Amino acid sequence: MIRVQGEFYSGYKSGETPRFAIIEGRRIAVTEVIRRTRALDPRTGKIRDVYRCRLADGQVIEIIEEL
């Protein structure tokens, strides 16, 4: 599994929408958020936002943001 770091747009709330993904040192623009869901991590009990995104290079990935 490759670790993906997300850069989020910050409006009046905290990070709201992923704008870029950083994969293996490459910063790639998010062109579309396909789906956003909230999930409870059973190991930690924390709620996470899970974004399924299409990137500028055509990849479809998931970015998980801990709330």
PDB file of N, CA and C in Angstrom:
ATOM      1  N   MET A   1       0.837  -1.177   0.000  1.00  0.00           N
ATOM      2  CA  MET A   1       0.000   0.000   0.000  1.00  0.00           C
ATOM      3  C   MET A   1       0.887   1.247   0.000  1.00  0.00           C
ATOM      4  N   ILE A   2       0.562   2.198  -0.847  1.00  0.00           N
ATOM      5  CA  ILE A   2       1.314   3.448  -0.923  1.00  0.00           C
ATOM      6  C   ILE A   2       0.626   4.474  -0.044  1.00  0.00           C
ATOM      7  N   ARG A   3       1.424   5.180   0.756  1.00  0.00           N
ATOM      8  CA  ARG A   3       0.871   6.218   1.627  1.00  0.00           C
ATOM      9  C   ARG A   3       0.640   7.484   0.809  1.00  0.00           C
ATOM     10  N   VAL A   4      -0.556   8.038   0.948  1.00  0.00           N
ATOM     11  CA  VAL A   4      -0.947   9.253   0.236  1.00  0.00           C
ATOM     12  C   VAL A   4      -1.238  10.335   1.261  1.00  0.00           C
ATOM     13  N   GLN A   5      -0.655  11.494   1.061  1.00  0.00           N
ATOM     14  CA  GLN A   5      -0.931  12.636   1.923  1.00  0.00           C
ATOM     15  C   GLN A   5      -1.815  13.597   1.151  1.00  0.00           C
ATOM     16  N   GLY A   6      -2.817  14.167   1.801  1.00  0.00           N
ATOM     17  CA  GLY A   6      -3.712  15.098   1.123  1.00  0.00           C
ATOM     18  C   GLY A   6      -3.486  16.524   1.587  1.00  0.00           C
ATOM     19  N   GLU A   7      -3.644  17.473   0.665  1.00  0.00           N
ATOM     20  CA  GLU A   7      -3.674  18.896   0.995  1.00  0.00           C
ATOM     21  C   GLU A   7      -5.102  19.347   0.797  1.00  0.00           C
ATOM     22  N   PHE A   8      -5.666  19.998   1.815  1.00  0.00           N
ATOM     23  CA  PHE A   8      -7.078  20.345   1.805  1.00  0.00           C
ATOM     24  C   PHE A   8      -7.281  21.840   1.712  1.00  0.00           C
ATOM     25  N   TYR A   9      -8.369  22.235   1.038  1.00  0.00           N
ATOM     26  CA  TYR A   9      -8.802  23.630   1.035  1.00  0.00           C
ATOM     27  C   TYR A   9      -9.358  23.919   2.416  1.00  0.00           C
ATOM     28  N   SER A  10      -8.984  25.035   2.998  1.00  0.00           N
ATOM     29  CA  SER A  10      -9.513  25.421   4.298  1.00  0.00           C
ATOM     30  C   SER A  10     -10.367  26.662   4.137  1.00  0.00           C
ATOM     31  N   GLY A  11     -11.643  26.513   4.419  1.00  0.00           N
ATOM     32  CA  GLY A  11     -12.566  27.637   4.413  1.00  0.00           C
ATOM     33  C   GLY A  11     -12.793  28.069   5.849  1.00  0.00           C
ATOM     34  N   TYR A  12     -14.034  28.392   6.175  1.00  0.00           N
ATOM     35  CA  TYR A  12     -14.317  28.816   7.540  1.00  0.00           C
ATOM     36  C   TYR A  12     -14.291  27.648   8.511  1.00  0.00           C
ATOM     37  N   LYS A  13     -14.394  26.428   7.998  1.00  0.00           N
ATOM     38  CA  LYS A  13     -14.190  25.240   8.818  1.00  0.00           C
ATOM     39  C   LYS A  13     -12.735  24.822   8.646  1.00  0.00           C
ATOM     40  N   SER A  14     -12.368  23.730   9.259  1.00  0.00           N
ATOM     41  CA  SER A  14     -11.004  23.227   9.019  1.00  0.00           C
ATOM     42  C   SER A  14     -10.953  22.651   7.607  1.00  0.00           C
ATOM     43  N   GLY A  15      -9.969  21.822   7.305  1.00  0.00           N
ATOM     44  CA  GLY A  15      -9.830  21.272   5.962  1.00  0.00           C
ATOM     45  C   GLY A  15     -11.143  20.720   5.447  1.00  0.00           C
ATOM     46  N   GLU A  16     -11.584  21.180   4.287  1.00  0.00           N
ATOM     47  CA  GLU A  16     -12.896  20.807   3.806  1.00  0.00           C
ATOM     48  C   GLU A  16     -12.868  19.869   2.606  1.00  0.00           C
ATOM     49  N   THR A  17     -12.055  20.187   1.619  1.00  0.00           N
ATOM     50  CA  THR A  17     -12.043  19.410   0.386  1.00  0.00           C
ATOM     51  C   THR A  17     -10.610  19.172  -0.043  1.00  0.00           C
ATOM     52  N   PRO A  18     -10.258  17.926  -0.379  1.00  0.00           N
ATOM     53  CA  PRO A  18      -8.890  17.700  -0.841  1.00  0.00           C
ATOM     54  C   PRO A  18      -8.638  18.390  -2.176  1.00  0.00           C
ATOM     55  N   ARG A  19      -7.521  19.109  -2.278  1.00  0.00           N
ATOM     56  CA  ARG A  19      -7.153  19.810  -3.509  1.00  0.00           C
ATOM     57  C   ARG A  19      -5.967  19.156  -4.210  1.00  0.00           C
ATOM     58  N   PHE A  20      -5.079  18.557  -3.415  1.00  0.00           N
ATOM     59  CA  PHE A  20      -3.896  17.897  -3.961  1.00  0.00           C
ATOM     60  C   PHE A  20      -3.635  16.612  -3.190  1.00  0.00           C
ATOM     61  N   ALA A  21      -3.026  15.641  -3.861  1.00  0.00           N
ATOM     62  CA  ALA A  21      -2.523  14.423  -3.230  1.00  0.00           C
ATOM     63  C   ALA A  21      -1.019  14.414  -3.427  1.00  0.00           C
ATOM     64  N   ILE A  22      -0.308  14.030  -2.393  1.00  0.00           N
ATOM     65  CA  ILE A  22       1.139  13.890  -2.497  1.00  0.00           C
ATOM     66  C   ILE A  22       1.448  12.401  -2.431  1.00  0.00           C
ATOM     67  N   ILE A  23       1.924  11.876  -3.552  1.00  0.00           N
ATOM     68  CA  ILE A  23       2.209  10.445  -3.682  1.00  0.00           C
ATOM     69  C   ILE A  23       3.667  10.295  -4.075  1.00  0.00           C
ATOM     70  N   GLU A  24       4.429   9.634  -3.218  1.00  0.00           N
ATOM     71  CA  GLU A  24       5.854   9.393  -3.467  1.00  0.00           C
ATOM     72  C   GLU A  24       6.568  10.680  -3.871  1.00  0.00           C
ATOM     73  N   GLY A  25       6.267  11.768  -3.168  1.00  0.00           N
ATOM     74  CA  GLY A  25       6.928  13.046  -3.401  1.00  0.00           C
ATOM     75  C   GLY A  25       6.359  13.885  -4.530  1.00  0.00           C
ATOM     76  N   ARG A  26       5.400  13.344  -5.274  1.00  0.00           N
ATOM     77  CA  ARG A  26       4.768  14.088  -6.374  1.00  0.00           C
ATOM     78  C   ARG A  26       3.464  14.709  -5.894  1.00  0.00           C
ATOM     79  N   ARG A  27       3.268  16.003  -6.191  1.00  0.00           N
ATOM     80  CA  ARG A  27       2.049  16.723  -5.823  1.00  0.00           C
ATOM     81  C   ARG A  27       1.131  16.736  -7.050  1.00  0.00           C
ATOM     82  N   ILE A  28      -0.021  16.054  -6.933  1.00  0.00           N
ATOM     83  CA  ILE A  28      -0.933  15.881  -8.060  1.00  0.00           C
ATOM     84  C   ILE A  28      -2.286  16.493  -7.696  1.00  0.00           C
ATOM     85  N   ALA A  29      -2.830  17.304  -8.586  1.00  0.00           N
ATOM     86  CA  ALA A  29      -4.107  17.978  -8.339  1.00  0.00           C
ATOM     87  C   ALA A  29      -5.269  16.987  -8.310  1.00  0.00           C
ATOM     88  N   VAL A  30      -6.211  17.223  -7.405  1.00  0.00           N
ATOM     89  CA  VAL A  30      -7.464  16.482  -7.372  1.00  0.00           C
ATOM     90  C   VAL A  30      -8.411  17.176  -8.346  1.00  0.00           C
ATOM     91  N   THR A  31      -8.882  16.466  -9.350  1.00  0.00           N
ATOM     92  CA  THR A  31      -9.777  17.065 -10.338  1.00  0.00           C
ATOM     93  C   THR A  31     -11.246  16.827 -10.020  1.00  0.00           C
ATOM     94  N   GLU A  32     -11.520  15.776  -9.208  1.00  0.00           N
ATOM     95  CA  GLU A  32     -12.905  15.456  -8.883  1.00  0.00           C
ATOM     96  C   GLU A  32     -12.952  14.683  -7.567  1.00  0.00           C
ATOM     97  N   VAL A  33     -13.877  15.075  -6.694  1.00  0.00           N
ATOM     98  CA  VAL A  33     -14.175  14.266  -5.518  1.00  0.00           C
ATOM     99  C   VAL A  33     -15.377  13.417  -5.904  1.00  0.00           C
ATOM    100  N   ILE A  34     -15.144  12.127  -6.054  1.00  0.00           N
ATOM    101  CA  ILE A  34     -16.182  11.206  -6.517  1.00  0.00           C
ATOM    102  C   ILE A  34     -17.171  10.903  -5.398  1.00  0.00           C
ATOM    103  N   ARG A  35     -16.643  10.725  -4.187  1.00  0.00           N
ATOM    104  CA  ARG A  35     -17.498  10.358  -3.055  1.00  0.00           C
ATOM    105  C   ARG A  35     -16.831  10.783  -1.760  1.00  0.00           C
ATOM    106  N   ARG A  36     -17.634  11.196  -0.817  1.00  0.00           N
ATOM    107  CA  ARG A  36     -17.146  11.491   0.536  1.00  0.00           C
ATOM    108  C   ARG A  36     -18.036  10.746   1.518  1.00  0.00           C
ATOM    109  N   THR A  37     -17.404   9.962   2.393  1.00  0.00           N
ATOM    110  CA  THR A  37     -18.146   9.236   3.420  1.00  0.00           C
ATOM    111  C   THR A  37     -17.464   9.444   4.752  1.00  0.00           C
ATOM    112  N   ARG A  38     -18.192   9.208   5.807  1.00  0.00           N
ATOM    113  CA  ARG A  38     -17.631   9.221   7.163  1.00  0.00           C
ATOM    114  C   ARG A  38     -17.603   7.790   7.658  1.00  0.00           C
ATOM    115  N   ALA A  39     -16.504   7.448   8.291  1.00  0.00           N
ATOM    116  CA  ALA A  39     -16.349   6.081   8.779  1.00  0.00           C
ATOM    117  C   ALA A  39     -15.740   6.089  10.164  1.00  0.00           C
ATOM    118  N   LEU A  40     -16.150   5.145  10.977  1.00  0.00           N
ATOM    119  CA  LEU A  40     -15.577   4.965  12.305  1.00  0.00           C
ATOM    120  C   LEU A  40     -14.444   3.958  12.201  1.00  0.00           C
ATOM    121  N   ASP A  41     -13.260   4.365  12.642  1.00  0.00           N
ATOM    122  CA  ASP A  41     -12.110   3.459  12.650  1.00  0.00           C
ATOM    123  C   ASP A  41     -12.282   2.515  13.836  1.00  0.00           C
ATOM    124  N   PRO A  42     -12.468   1.220  13.603  1.00  0.00           N
ATOM    125  CA  PRO A  42     -12.719   0.290  14.702  1.00  0.00           C
ATOM    126  C   PRO A  42     -11.524   0.122  15.641  1.00  0.00           C
ATOM    127  N   ARG A  43     -10.321   0.387  15.134  1.00  0.00           N
ATOM    128  CA  ARG A  43      -9.130   0.235  15.981  1.00  0.00           C
ATOM    129  C   ARG A  43      -8.984   1.379  16.968  1.00  0.00           C
ATOM    130  N   THR A  44      -9.260   2.613  16.525  1.00  0.00           N
ATOM    131  CA  THR A  44      -9.021   3.789  17.364  1.00  0.00           C
ATOM    132  C   THR A  44     -10.300   4.402  17.909  1.00  0.00           C
ATOM    133  N   GLY A  45     -11.440   4.096  17.283  1.00  0.00           N
ATOM    134  CA  GLY A  45     -12.702   4.695  17.697  1.00  0.00           C
ATOM    135  C   GLY A  45     -12.891   6.113  17.183  1.00  0.00           C
ATOM    136  N   LYS A  46     -11.988   6.580  16.319  1.00  0.00           N
ATOM    137  CA  LYS A  46     -12.080   7.939  15.790  1.00  0.00           C
ATOM    138  C   LYS A  46     -12.877   7.951  14.486  1.00  0.00           C
ATOM    139  N   ILE A  47     -13.550   9.066  14.258  1.00  0.00           N
ATOM    140  CA  ILE A  47     -14.297   9.248  13.013  1.00  0.00           C
ATOM    141  C   ILE A  47     -13.352   9.820  11.965  1.00  0.00           C
ATOM    142  N   ARG A  48     -13.485   9.315  10.742  1.00  0.00           N
ATOM    143  CA  ARG A  48     -12.635   9.761   9.642  1.00  0.00           C
ATOM    144  C   ARG A  48     -13.508  10.094   8.441  1.00  0.00           C
ATOM    145  N   ASP A  49     -13.098  11.126   7.697  1.00  0.00           N
ATOM    146  CA  ASP A  49     -13.696  11.403   6.395  1.00  0.00           C
ATOM    147  C   ASP A  49     -12.870  10.655   5.357  1.00  0.00           C
ATOM    148  N   VAL A  50     -13.549   9.943   4.481  1.00  0.00           N
ATOM    149  CA  VAL A  50     -12.887   9.187   3.422  1.00  0.00           C
ATOM    150  C   VAL A  50     -13.333   9.783   2.086  1.00  0.00           C
ATOM    151  N   TYR A  51     -12.372  10.275   1.323  1.00  0.00           N
ATOM    152  CA  TYR A  51     -12.640  10.886   0.024  1.00  0.00           C
ATOM    153  C   TYR A  51     -12.131   9.975  -1.076  1.00  0.00           C
ATOM    154  N   ARG A  52     -12.990   9.642  -2.017  1.00  0.00           N
ATOM    155  CA  ARG A  52     -12.571   8.916  -3.223  1.00  0.00           C
ATOM    156  C   ARG A  52     -12.412   9.985  -4.297  1.00  0.00           C
ATOM    157  N   CYS A  53     -11.192  10.121  -4.825  1.00  0.00           N
ATOM    158  CA  CYS A  53     -10.850  11.247  -5.704  1.00  0.00           C
ATOM    159  C   CYS A  53     -10.228  10.782  -7.010  1.00  0.00           C
ATOM    160  N   ARG A  54     -10.499  11.568  -8.046  1.00  0.00           N
ATOM    161  CA  ARG A  54      -9.821  11.379  -9.330  1.00  0.00           C
ATOM    162  C   ARG A  54      -8.743  12.454  -9.417  1.00  0.00           C
ATOM    163  N   LEU A  55      -7.533  12.043  -9.794  1.00  0.00           N
ATOM    164  CA  LEU A  55      -6.408  12.961  -9.882  1.00  0.00           C
ATOM    165  C   LEU A  55      -6.182  13.401 -11.324  1.00  0.00           C
ATOM    166  N   ALA A  56      -5.402  14.457 -11.481  1.00  0.00           N
ATOM    167  CA  ALA A  56      -5.115  15.010 -12.815  1.00  0.00           C
ATOM    168  C   ALA A  56      -4.455  13.987 -13.732  1.00  0.00           C
ATOM    169  N   ASP A  57      -3.733  13.020 -13.164  1.00  0.00           N
ATOM    170  CA  ASP A  57      -3.072  12.006 -14.006  1.00  0.00           C
ATOM    171  C   ASP A  57      -3.964  10.789 -14.278  1.00  0.00           C
ATOM    172  N   GLY A  58      -5.240  10.848 -13.853  1.00  0.00           N
ATOM    173  CA  GLY A  58      -6.187   9.771 -14.128  1.00  0.00           C
ATOM    174  C   GLY A  58      -6.353   8.752 -13.013  1.00  0.00           C
ATOM    175  N   GLN A  59      -5.473   8.736 -12.031  1.00  0.00           N
ATOM    176  CA  GLN A  59      -5.590   7.785 -10.927  1.00  0.00           C
ATOM    177  C   GLN A  59      -6.844   8.075 -10.119  1.00  0.00           C
ATOM    178  N   VAL A  60      -7.443   7.030  -9.557  1.00  0.00           N
ATOM    179  CA  VAL A  60      -8.527   7.171  -8.603  1.00  0.00           C
ATOM    180  C   VAL A  60      -7.993   6.630  -7.274  1.00  0.00           C
ATOM    181  N   ILE A  61      -8.036   7.470  -6.246  1.00  0.00           N
ATOM    182  CA  ILE A  61      -7.460   7.100  -4.961  1.00  0.00           C
ATOM    183  C   ILE A  61      -8.425   7.430  -3.828  1.00  0.00           C
ATOM    184  N   GLU A  62      -8.100   6.963  -2.625  1.00  0.00           N
ATOM    185  CA  GLU A  62      -8.834   7.359  -1.430  1.00  0.00           C
ATOM    186  C   GLU A  62      -7.884   8.122  -0.513  1.00  0.00           C
ATOM    187  N   ILE A  63      -8.388   9.240  -0.010  1.00  0.00           N
ATOM    188  CA  ILE A  63      -7.665  10.034   0.972  1.00  0.00           C
ATOM    189  C   ILE A  63      -8.477   9.980   2.250  1.00  0.00           C
ATOM    190  N   ILE A  64      -7.842   9.601   3.351  1.00  0.00           N
ATOM    191  CA  ILE A  64      -8.517   9.474   4.637  1.00  0.00           C
ATOM    192  C   ILE A  64      -8.059  10.611   5.539  1.00  0.00           C
ATOM    193  N   GLU A  65      -9.032  11.385   6.030  1.00  0.00           N
ATOM    194  CA  GLU A  65      -8.735  12.513   6.907  1.00  0.00           C
ATOM    195  C   GLU A  65      -9.299  12.227   8.290  1.00  0.00           C
ATOM    196  N   GLU A  66      -8.447  12.264   9.299  1.00  0.00           N
ATOM    197  CA  GLU A  66      -8.898  12.052  10.667  1.00  0.00           C
ATOM    198  C   GLU A  66      -9.498  13.345  11.197  1.00  0.00           C
ATOM    199  N   LEU A  67     -10.673  13.235  11.803  1.00  0.00           N
ATOM    200  CA  LEU A  67     -11.350  14.413  12.348  1.00  0.00           C
ATOM    201  C   LEU A  67     -10.986  14.650  13.783  1.00  0.00           C
TER     202      LEU A  67
END
